Amino acid sequence: MLNMYLLAFKIFFASSIFLLTLIMGLIPLKIAKHNTRFFGLCDSFASGVFLSTALLHMLPESAEKFNAIYSGHYPLAYLICIITYIAFLAMERGASIYKNIYLANSKIIVPGFLITLLAIHSLVEGAAIGVNTNIIEALAIFLAVFAHKSSESFALTVNMHRFDISTKIIKRTIALFSLMTPLGIFIASYVVHASQTNSGGLLTANLNAIAAGTFLYLGVEHLVEGKTSFAKVQETTALITGVALMAVVAIWV
């Protein structure tokens, strides 16, 4: 009987996360039709979310996993994060030299890499819920994932829009992204089995460090390129709100 209740809870968790991720990913597109200036505020908010997520969530998590595996104090996670950031910066600068290549490919490379990392991260999040045999513990993990999933999906849509990706592709991407965590829940036994080994933990640590570098690049990019982006109080407030949101989530996650 307990297993039936647990299965029912997990189906509810998967459905809730799917709907939240999908709705929050589509909201920016709906509002933008009526208010073009809205995306300026969204961009500022997304920068705050990416910066805060990189430095408060993904990077510490990666460092913790590396320390557990190697029992050392070398800041490997931070090194990988810096290398990732520099790699994206070099790619951007190199692409700007060859404008034709930049226009053709940069709109795909950066968002595509970001989506891939987020998809893997979402699968792992789902796996953490799926393998749990204790309803209370599964509920606690679900609430943690649910708390940041909306801002993650919201920021992803804003970022794709920044790279002038078509609305149709954004909608399809968000729909696919919304399935990642529920999919992780239902294939959790396989994912968790891999994560219990040192190689699995090492893979997760590397992915989190790379994701942190990617988020850092995306967050800083808007601040550097838009010299007048934060001349207005509303945009500065949006940036601070994005940082504060993920800082509050870090209390529980």
C-alpha atoms as a PDB file:
ATOM      1  CA  MET A   1       0.000   0.000   0.000  1.00  0.00           C
ATOM      2  CA  LEU A   2       2.861   2.358   0.876  1.00  0.00           C
ATOM      3  CA  ASN A   3       4.425   1.759  -2.545  1.00  0.00           C
ATOM      4  CA  MET A   4       1.151   2.724  -4.211  1.00  0.00           C
ATOM      5  CA  TYR A   5       1.011   5.967  -2.237  1.00  0.00           C
ATOM      6  CA  LEU A   6       4.657   6.661  -3.068  1.00  0.00           C
ATOM      7  CA  LEU A   7       4.025   6.045  -6.773  1.00  0.00           C
ATOM      8  CA  ALA A   8       0.993   8.352  -6.687  1.00  0.00           C
ATOM      9  CA  PHE A   9       3.060  11.079  -5.007  1.00  0.00           C
ATOM     10  CA  LYS A  10       5.814  10.751  -7.601  1.00  0.00           C
ATOM     11  CA  ILE A  11       3.330  11.005 -10.454  1.00  0.00           C
ATOM     12  CA  PHE A  12       1.960  14.148  -8.805  1.00  0.00           C
ATOM     13  CA  PHE A  13       5.489  15.522  -8.362  1.00  0.00           C
ATOM     14  CA  ALA A  14       6.364  14.848 -12.009  1.00  0.00           C
ATOM     15  CA  SER A  15       3.137  16.420 -13.302  1.00  0.00           C
ATOM     16  CA  SER A  16       3.504  19.499 -11.094  1.00  0.00           C
ATOM     17  CA  ILE A  17       7.107  20.129 -12.116  1.00  0.00           C
ATOM     18  CA  PHE A  18       6.252  19.649 -15.789  1.00  0.00           C
ATOM     19  CA  LEU A  19       3.381  22.166 -15.672  1.00  0.00           C
ATOM     20  CA  LEU A  20       5.334  24.722 -13.639  1.00  0.00           C
ATOM     21  CA  THR A  21       8.368  24.554 -15.931  1.00  0.00           C
ATOM     22  CA  LEU A  22       6.227  24.805 -19.054  1.00  0.00           C
ATOM     23  CA  ILE A  23       4.056  27.684 -17.811  1.00  0.00           C
ATOM     24  CA  MET A  24       6.967  29.750 -16.454  1.00  0.00           C
ATOM     25  CA  GLY A  25       8.874  29.177 -19.687  1.00  0.00           C
ATOM     26  CA  LEU A  26       5.990  30.447 -21.817  1.00  0.00           C
ATOM     27  CA  ILE A  27       5.009  33.456 -19.685  1.00  0.00           C
ATOM     28  CA  PRO A  28       7.775  35.751 -21.031  1.00  0.00           C
ATOM     29  CA  LEU A  29       6.659  35.090 -24.624  1.00  0.00           C
ATOM     30  CA  LYS A  30       3.032  35.920 -23.839  1.00  0.00           C
ATOM     31  CA  ILE A  31       3.795  39.151 -22.012  1.00  0.00           C
ATOM     32  CA  ALA A  32       6.307  40.298 -24.618  1.00  0.00           C
ATOM     33  CA  LYS A  33       3.550  40.504 -27.238  1.00  0.00           C
ATOM     34  CA  HIS A  34       1.934  43.317 -25.272  1.00  0.00           C
ATOM     35  CA  ASN A  35       4.985  44.941 -23.704  1.00  0.00           C
ATOM     36  CA  THR A  36       8.280  44.928 -25.618  1.00  0.00           C
ATOM     37  CA  ARG A  37      10.077  46.705 -22.772  1.00  0.00           C
ATOM     38  CA  PHE A  38       9.231  43.773 -20.531  1.00  0.00           C
ATOM     39  CA  PHE A  39      12.125  41.775 -21.952  1.00  0.00           C
ATOM     40  CA  GLY A  40      14.585  44.430 -20.823  1.00  0.00           C
ATOM     41  CA  LEU A  41      13.472  43.843 -17.246  1.00  0.00           C
ATOM     42  CA  CYS A  42      13.401  40.073 -17.809  1.00  0.00           C
ATOM     43  CA  ASP A  43      16.953  40.219 -19.118  1.00  0.00           C
ATOM     44  CA  SER A  44      18.103  41.988 -15.969  1.00  0.00           C
ATOM     45  CA  PHE A  45      16.219  39.512 -13.780  1.00  0.00           C
ATOM     46  CA  ALA A  46      17.700  36.559 -15.708  1.00  0.00           C
ATOM     47  CA  SER A  47      21.224  37.951 -15.237  1.00  0.00           C
ATOM     48  CA  GLY A  48      20.635  38.015 -11.490  1.00  0.00           C
ATOM     49  CA  VAL A  49      19.270  34.461 -11.517  1.00  0.00           C
ATOM     50  CA  PHE A  50      22.203  33.120 -13.544  1.00  0.00           C
ATOM     51  CA  LEU A  51      24.852  34.869 -11.429  1.00  0.00           C
ATOM     52  CA  SER A  52      23.272  33.794  -8.152  1.00  0.00           C
ATOM     53  CA  THR A  53      22.653  30.217  -9.327  1.00  0.00           C
ATOM     54  CA  ALA A  54      26.259  29.863 -10.503  1.00  0.00           C
ATOM     55  CA  LEU A  55      27.894  31.184  -7.329  1.00  0.00           C
ATOM     56  CA  LEU A  56      25.433  30.087  -4.638  1.00  0.00           C
ATOM     57  CA  HIS A  57      24.193  26.730  -5.959  1.00  0.00           C
ATOM     58  CA  MET A  58      26.123  24.974  -8.718  1.00  0.00           C
ATOM     59  CA  LEU A  59      29.693  25.961  -7.816  1.00  0.00           C
ATOM     60  CA  PRO A  60      29.464  25.073  -4.090  1.00  0.00           C
ATOM     61  CA  GLU A  61      27.714  21.796  -4.980  1.00  0.00           C
ATOM     62  CA  SER A  62      30.482  20.932  -7.444  1.00  0.00           C
ATOM     63  CA  ALA A  63      33.208  21.815  -4.918  1.00  0.00           C
ATOM     64  CA  GLU A  64      31.544  19.640  -2.283  1.00  0.00           C
ATOM     65  CA  LYS A  65      31.411  16.638  -4.622  1.00  0.00           C
ATOM     66  CA  PHE A  66      35.071  17.064  -5.677  1.00  0.00           C
ATOM     67  CA  ASN A  67      36.158  17.280  -2.024  1.00  0.00           C
ATOM     68  CA  ALA A  68      34.193  14.127  -1.193  1.00  0.00           C
ATOM     69  CA  ILE A  69      35.803  12.210  -4.069  1.00  0.00           C
ATOM     70  CA  TYR A  70      39.417  13.357  -3.719  1.00  0.00           C
ATOM     71  CA  SER A  71      39.467  14.313  -0.002  1.00  0.00           C
ATOM     72  CA  GLY A  72      41.618  17.294  -0.926  1.00  0.00           C
ATOM     73  CA  HIS A  73      41.433  21.050  -0.776  1.00  0.00           C
ATOM     74  CA  TYR A  74      42.440  22.006  -4.311  1.00  0.00           C
ATOM     75  CA  PRO A  75      39.680  24.249  -5.769  1.00  0.00           C
ATOM     76  CA  LEU A  76      39.180  22.150  -8.906  1.00  0.00           C
ATOM     77  CA  ALA A  77      35.522  23.141  -9.291  1.00  0.00           C
ATOM     78  CA  TYR A  78      36.468  26.816  -9.376  1.00  0.00           C
ATOM     79  CA  LEU A  79      39.215  26.173 -11.926  1.00  0.00           C
ATOM     80  CA  ILE A  80      36.789  24.361 -14.249  1.00  0.00           C
ATOM     81  CA  CYS A  81      34.289  27.201 -13.811  1.00  0.00           C
ATOM     82  CA  ILE A  82      36.926  29.805 -14.777  1.00  0.00           C
ATOM     83  CA  ILE A  83      38.078  27.775 -17.785  1.00  0.00           C
ATOM     84  CA  THR A  84      34.475  27.444 -18.978  1.00  0.00           C
ATOM     85  CA  TYR A  85      33.902  31.180 -18.576  1.00  0.00           C
ATOM     86  CA  ILE A  86      37.087  32.043 -20.500  1.00  0.00           C
ATOM     87  CA  ALA A  87      36.212  29.511 -23.208  1.00  0.00           C
ATOM     88  CA  PHE A  88      32.856  31.175 -23.837  1.00  0.00           C
ATOM     89  CA  LEU A  89      34.456  34.619 -23.730  1.00  0.00           C
ATOM     90  CA  ALA A  90      37.099  33.541 -26.246  1.00  0.00           C
ATOM     91  CA  MET A  91      34.430  32.012 -28.456  1.00  0.00           C
ATOM     92  CA  GLU A  92      32.443  35.245 -28.376  1.00  0.00           C
ATOM     93  CA  ARG A  93      35.472  37.412 -29.165  1.00  0.00           C
ATOM     94  CA  GLY A  94      36.634  35.093 -31.922  1.00  0.00           C
ATOM     95  CA  ALA A  95      33.176  34.982 -33.443  1.00  0.00           C
ATOM     96  CA  SER A  96      32.937  38.774 -33.455  1.00  0.00           C
ATOM     97  CA  ILE A  97      36.035  38.886 -35.675  1.00  0.00           C
ATOM     98  CA  TYR A  98      34.353  36.680 -38.242  1.00  0.00           C
ATOM     99  CA  LYS A  99      30.930  38.307 -38.310  1.00  0.00           C
ATOM    100  CA  ASN A 100      29.450  35.910 -40.828  1.00  0.00           C
ATOM    101  CA  ILE A 101      30.281  32.941 -38.608  1.00  0.00           C
ATOM    102  CA  TYR A 102      28.959  34.836 -35.589  1.00  0.00           C
ATOM    103  CA  LEU A 103      25.623  35.590 -37.181  1.00  0.00           C
ATOM    104  CA  ALA A 104      25.208  32.040 -38.383  1.00  0.00           C
ATOM    105  CA  ASN A 105      26.294  30.031 -35.385  1.00  0.00           C
ATOM    106  CA  SER A 106      26.533  31.937 -32.107  1.00  0.00           C
ATOM    107  CA  LYS A 107      22.754  31.993 -31.709  1.00  0.00           C
ATOM    108  CA  ILE A 108      22.836  28.215 -31.583  1.00  0.00           C
ATOM    109  CA  ILE A 109      26.077  27.362 -29.755  1.00  0.00           C
ATOM    110  CA  VAL A 110      25.641  29.182 -26.440  1.00  0.00           C
ATOM    111  CA  PRO A 111      21.903  28.522 -25.881  1.00  0.00           C
ATOM    112  CA  GLY A 112      22.345  24.954 -27.100  1.00  0.00           C
ATOM    113  CA  PHE A 113      25.137  24.290 -24.633  1.00  0.00           C
ATOM    114  CA  LEU A 114      23.126  25.877 -21.835  1.00  0.00           C
ATOM    115  CA  ILE A 115      20.034  23.801 -22.641  1.00  0.00           C
ATOM    116  CA  THR A 116      22.090  20.584 -22.701  1.00  0.00           C
ATOM    117  CA  LEU A 117      23.578  21.275 -19.266  1.00  0.00           C
ATOM    118  CA  LEU A 118      20.227  22.255 -17.792  1.00  0.00           C
ATOM    119  CA  ALA A 119      18.646  19.107 -19.229  1.00  0.00           C
ATOM    120  CA  ILE A 120      21.275  16.887 -17.596  1.00  0.00           C
ATOM    121  CA  HIS A 121      20.940  18.781 -14.324  1.00  0.00           C
ATOM    122  CA  SER A 122      17.158  18.385 -14.484  1.00  0.00           C
ATOM    123  CA  LEU A 123      17.471  14.633 -15.055  1.00  0.00           C
ATOM    124  CA  VAL A 124      19.641  14.333 -11.946  1.00  0.00           C
ATOM    125  CA  GLU A 125      17.129  16.391  -9.938  1.00  0.00           C
ATOM    126  CA  GLY A 126      14.347  14.093 -11.050  1.00  0.00           C
ATOM    127  CA  ALA A 127      16.433  11.054 -10.184  1.00  0.00           C
ATOM    128  CA  ALA A 128      16.882  12.341  -6.630  1.00  0.00           C
ATOM    129  CA  ILE A 129      13.110  12.347  -6.252  1.00  0.00           C
ATOM    130  CA  GLY A 130      12.493   9.110  -8.115  1.00  0.00           C
ATOM    131  CA  VAL A 131      14.744   6.805  -6.113  1.00  0.00           C
ATOM    132  CA  ASN A 132      13.599   7.993  -2.725  1.00  0.00           C
ATOM    133  CA  THR A 133      11.543   5.385  -0.861  1.00  0.00           C
ATOM    134  CA  ASN A 134      10.524   7.741   1.939  1.00  0.00           C
ATOM    135  CA  ILE A 135       7.524   9.943   1.137  1.00  0.00           C
ATOM    136  CA  ILE A 136       8.616  12.737   3.496  1.00  0.00           C
ATOM    137  CA  GLU A 137      12.143  12.844   2.085  1.00  0.00           C
ATOM    138  CA  ALA A 138      10.816  12.702  -1.481  1.00  0.00           C
ATOM    139  CA  LEU A 139       8.456  15.586  -0.665  1.00  0.00           C
ATOM    140  CA  ALA A 140      11.323  17.668   0.750  1.00  0.00           C
ATOM    141  CA  ILE A 141      13.403  17.159  -2.399  1.00  0.00           C
ATOM    142  CA  PHE A 142      10.361  17.913  -4.572  1.00  0.00           C
ATOM    143  CA  LEU A 143       9.777  21.237  -2.774  1.00  0.00           C
ATOM    144  CA  ALA A 144      13.426  22.206  -3.241  1.00  0.00           C
ATOM    145  CA  VAL A 145      13.328  21.416  -6.967  1.00  0.00           C
ATOM    146  CA  PHE A 146       9.940  23.066  -7.374  1.00  0.00           C
ATOM    147  CA  ALA A 147      11.228  26.248  -5.689  1.00  0.00           C
ATOM    148  CA  HIS A 148      13.861  27.028  -8.311  1.00  0.00           C
ATOM    149  CA  LYS A 149      12.395  25.346 -11.390  1.00  0.00           C
ATOM    150  CA  SER A 150      10.164  28.294 -12.276  1.00  0.00           C
ATOM    151  CA  SER A 151      12.968  30.878 -12.256  1.00  0.00           C
ATOM    152  CA  GLU A 152      15.235  28.477 -14.165  1.00  0.00           C
ATOM    153  CA  SER A 153      12.698  27.978 -16.967  1.00  0.00           C
ATOM    154  CA  PHE A 154      11.817  31.682 -16.994  1.00  0.00           C
ATOM    155  CA  ALA A 155      15.484  32.698 -17.303  1.00  0.00           C
ATOM    156  CA  LEU A 156      16.115  30.096 -20.027  1.00  0.00           C
ATOM    157  CA  THR A 157      13.352  31.531 -22.225  1.00  0.00           C
ATOM    158  CA  VAL A 158      14.617  35.087 -21.734  1.00  0.00           C
ATOM    159  CA  ASN A 159      18.127  33.981 -22.640  1.00  0.00           C
ATOM    160  CA  MET A 160      17.031  32.229 -25.831  1.00  0.00           C
ATOM    161  CA  HIS A 161      15.046  35.303 -26.819  1.00  0.00           C
ATOM    162  CA  ARG A 162      18.199  37.398 -26.296  1.00  0.00           C
ATOM    163  CA  PHE A 163      19.903  35.333 -29.006  1.00  0.00           C
ATOM    164  CA  ASP A 164      16.992  36.038 -31.408  1.00  0.00           C
ATOM    165  CA  ILE A 165      15.829  32.420 -31.514  1.00  0.00           C
ATOM    166  CA  SER A 166      12.390  32.102 -33.095  1.00  0.00           C
ATOM    167  CA  THR A 167       9.295  31.820 -30.895  1.00  0.00           C
ATOM    168  CA  LYS A 168       8.428  28.421 -32.393  1.00  0.00           C
ATOM    169  CA  ILE A 169      11.827  26.955 -31.487  1.00  0.00           C
ATOM    170  CA  ILE A 170      11.671  28.486 -27.990  1.00  0.00           C
ATOM    171  CA  LYS A 171       8.267  26.880 -27.369  1.00  0.00           C
ATOM    172  CA  ARG A 172       9.473  23.472 -28.549  1.00  0.00           C
ATOM    173  CA  THR A 173      12.631  23.748 -26.464  1.00  0.00           C
ATOM    174  CA  ILE A 174      10.724  24.702 -23.314  1.00  0.00           C
ATOM    175  CA  ALA A 175       8.270  21.836 -23.872  1.00  0.00           C
ATOM    176  CA  LEU A 176      11.177  19.399 -24.179  1.00  0.00           C
ATOM    177  CA  PHE A 177      12.988  20.940 -21.215  1.00  0.00           C
ATOM    178  CA  SER A 178       9.824  20.616 -19.119  1.00  0.00           C
ATOM    179  CA  LEU A 179       9.950  16.848 -19.611  1.00  0.00           C
ATOM    180  CA  MET A 180      13.503  16.439 -18.322  1.00  0.00           C
ATOM    181  CA  THR A 181      12.860  16.373 -14.563  1.00  0.00           C
ATOM    182  CA  PRO A 182       9.755  14.120 -14.846  1.00  0.00           C
ATOM    183  CA  LEU A 183      11.788  11.842 -17.097  1.00  0.00           C
ATOM    184  CA  GLY A 184      14.516  11.763 -14.456  1.00  0.00           C
ATOM    185  CA  ILE A 185      11.948  10.695 -11.868  1.00  0.00           C
ATOM    186  CA  PHE A 186      10.818   7.718 -13.951  1.00  0.00           C
ATOM    187  CA  ILE A 187      14.304   6.509 -14.909  1.00  0.00           C
ATOM    188  CA  ALA A 188      15.744   7.260 -11.482  1.00  0.00           C
ATOM    189  CA  SER A 189      16.924   3.739 -10.662  1.00  0.00           C
ATOM    190  CA  TYR A 190      19.404   3.824 -13.547  1.00  0.00           C
ATOM    191  CA  VAL A 191      20.608   7.404 -12.907  1.00  0.00           C
ATOM    192  CA  VAL A 192      21.099   6.897  -9.175  1.00  0.00           C
ATOM    193  CA  HIS A 193      22.948   3.624  -9.719  1.00  0.00           C
ATOM    194  CA  ALA A 194      25.473   5.578 -11.827  1.00  0.00           C
ATOM    195  CA  SER A 195      25.676   8.464  -9.356  1.00  0.00           C
ATOM    196  CA  GLN A 196      26.566   6.100  -6.492  1.00  0.00           C
ATOM    197  CA  THR A 197      29.915   5.290  -8.083  1.00  0.00           C
ATOM    198  CA  ASN A 198      32.939   7.585  -7.995  1.00  0.00           C
ATOM    199  CA  SER A 199      32.777   8.015 -11.773  1.00  0.00           C
ATOM    200  CA  GLY A 200      29.142   9.068 -11.554  1.00  0.00           C
ATOM    201  CA  GLY A 201      29.862  11.535  -8.755  1.00  0.00           C
ATOM    202  CA  LEU A 202      32.855  12.879 -10.669  1.00  0.00           C
ATOM    203  CA  LEU A 203      30.713  13.395 -13.758  1.00  0.00           C
ATOM    204  CA  THR A 204      28.128  15.327 -11.739  1.00  0.00           C
ATOM    205  CA  ALA A 205      30.835  17.476 -10.131  1.00  0.00           C
ATOM    206  CA  ASN A 206      32.309  18.360 -13.526  1.00  0.00           C
ATOM    207  CA  LEU A 207      28.912  19.144 -15.049  1.00  0.00           C
ATOM    208  CA  ASN A 208      27.986  21.433 -12.157  1.00  0.00           C
ATOM    209  CA  ALA A 209      31.303  23.300 -12.448  1.00  0.00           C
ATOM    210  CA  ILE A 210      30.861  23.697 -16.210  1.00  0.00           C
ATOM    211  CA  ALA A 211      27.264  24.820 -15.705  1.00  0.00           C
ATOM    212  CA  ALA A 212      28.452  27.394 -13.148  1.00  0.00           C
ATOM    213  CA  GLY A 213      30.923  28.794 -15.676  1.00  0.00           C
ATOM    214  CA  THR A 214      28.197  28.923 -18.312  1.00  0.00           C
ATOM    215  CA  PHE A 215      25.776  30.709 -15.995  1.00  0.00           C
ATOM    216  CA  LEU A 216      28.501  33.138 -14.939  1.00  0.00           C
ATOM    217  CA  TYR A 217      29.201  33.984 -18.574  1.00  0.00           C
ATOM    218  CA  LEU A 218      25.523  34.495 -19.383  1.00  0.00           C
ATOM    219  CA  GLY A 219      24.935  36.646 -16.315  1.00  0.00           C
ATOM    220  CA  VAL A 220      27.987  38.857 -16.810  1.00  0.00           C
ATOM    221  CA  GLU A 221      27.478  39.168 -20.580  1.00  0.00           C
ATOM    222  CA  HIS A 222      24.401  41.346 -20.184  1.00  0.00           C
ATOM    223  CA  LEU A 223      26.121  43.581 -17.629  1.00  0.00           C
ATOM    224  CA  VAL A 224      29.171  44.119 -19.858  1.00  0.00           C
ATOM    225  CA  GLU A 225      27.440  44.523 -23.222  1.00  0.00           C
ATOM    226  CA  GLY A 226      24.592  46.739 -22.065  1.00  0.00           C
ATOM    227  CA  LYS A 227      26.505  49.790 -20.815  1.00  0.00           C
ATOM    228  CA  THR A 228      23.267  51.624 -20.145  1.00  0.00           C
ATOM    229  CA  SER A 229      21.286  48.549 -19.153  1.00  0.00           C
ATOM    230  CA  PHE A 230      21.074  49.517 -15.499  1.00  0.00           C
ATOM    231  CA  ALA A 231      20.696  53.263 -15.859  1.00  0.00           C
ATOM    232  CA  LYS A 232      17.082  52.875 -14.736  1.00  0.00           C
ATOM    233  CA  VAL A 233      15.939  51.881 -11.282  1.00  0.00           C
ATOM    234  CA  GLN A 234      13.540  49.212 -12.602  1.00  0.00           C
ATOM    235  CA  GLU A 235      16.303  47.222 -14.306  1.00  0.00           C
ATOM    236  CA  THR A 236      18.625  47.455 -11.324  1.00  0.00           C
ATOM    237  CA  THR A 237      15.762  46.290  -9.118  1.00  0.00           C
ATOM    238  CA  ALA A 238      15.092  43.368 -11.478  1.00  0.00           C
ATOM    239  CA  LEU A 239      18.759  42.322 -11.268  1.00  0.00           C
ATOM    240  CA  ILE A 240      18.767  42.484  -7.462  1.00  0.00           C
ATOM    241  CA  THR A 241      15.466  40.563  -7.371  1.00  0.00           C
ATOM    242  CA  GLY A 242      16.959  37.746  -9.451  1.00  0.00           C
ATOM    243  CA  VAL A 243      19.972  37.505  -7.148  1.00  0.00           C
ATOM    244  CA  ALA A 244      17.826  37.716  -4.006  1.00  0.00           C
ATOM    245  CA  LEU A 245      15.419  35.014  -5.206  1.00  0.00           C
ATOM    246  CA  MET A 246      18.118  32.401  -5.645  1.00  0.00           C
ATOM    247  CA  ALA A 247      19.821  33.565  -2.437  1.00  0.00           C
ATOM    248  CA  VAL A 248      16.612  32.843  -0.521  1.00  0.00           C
ATOM    249  CA  VAL A 249      16.252  29.454  -2.226  1.00  0.00           C
ATOM    250  CA  ALA A 250      19.841  28.663  -1.119  1.00  0.00           C
ATOM    251  CA  ILE A 251      18.609  28.665   2.490  1.00  0.00           C
ATOM    252  CA  TRP A 252      16.773  25.383   1.862  1.00  0.00           C
ATOM    253  CA  VAL A 253      18.578  23.930  -1.170  1.00  0.00           C
END
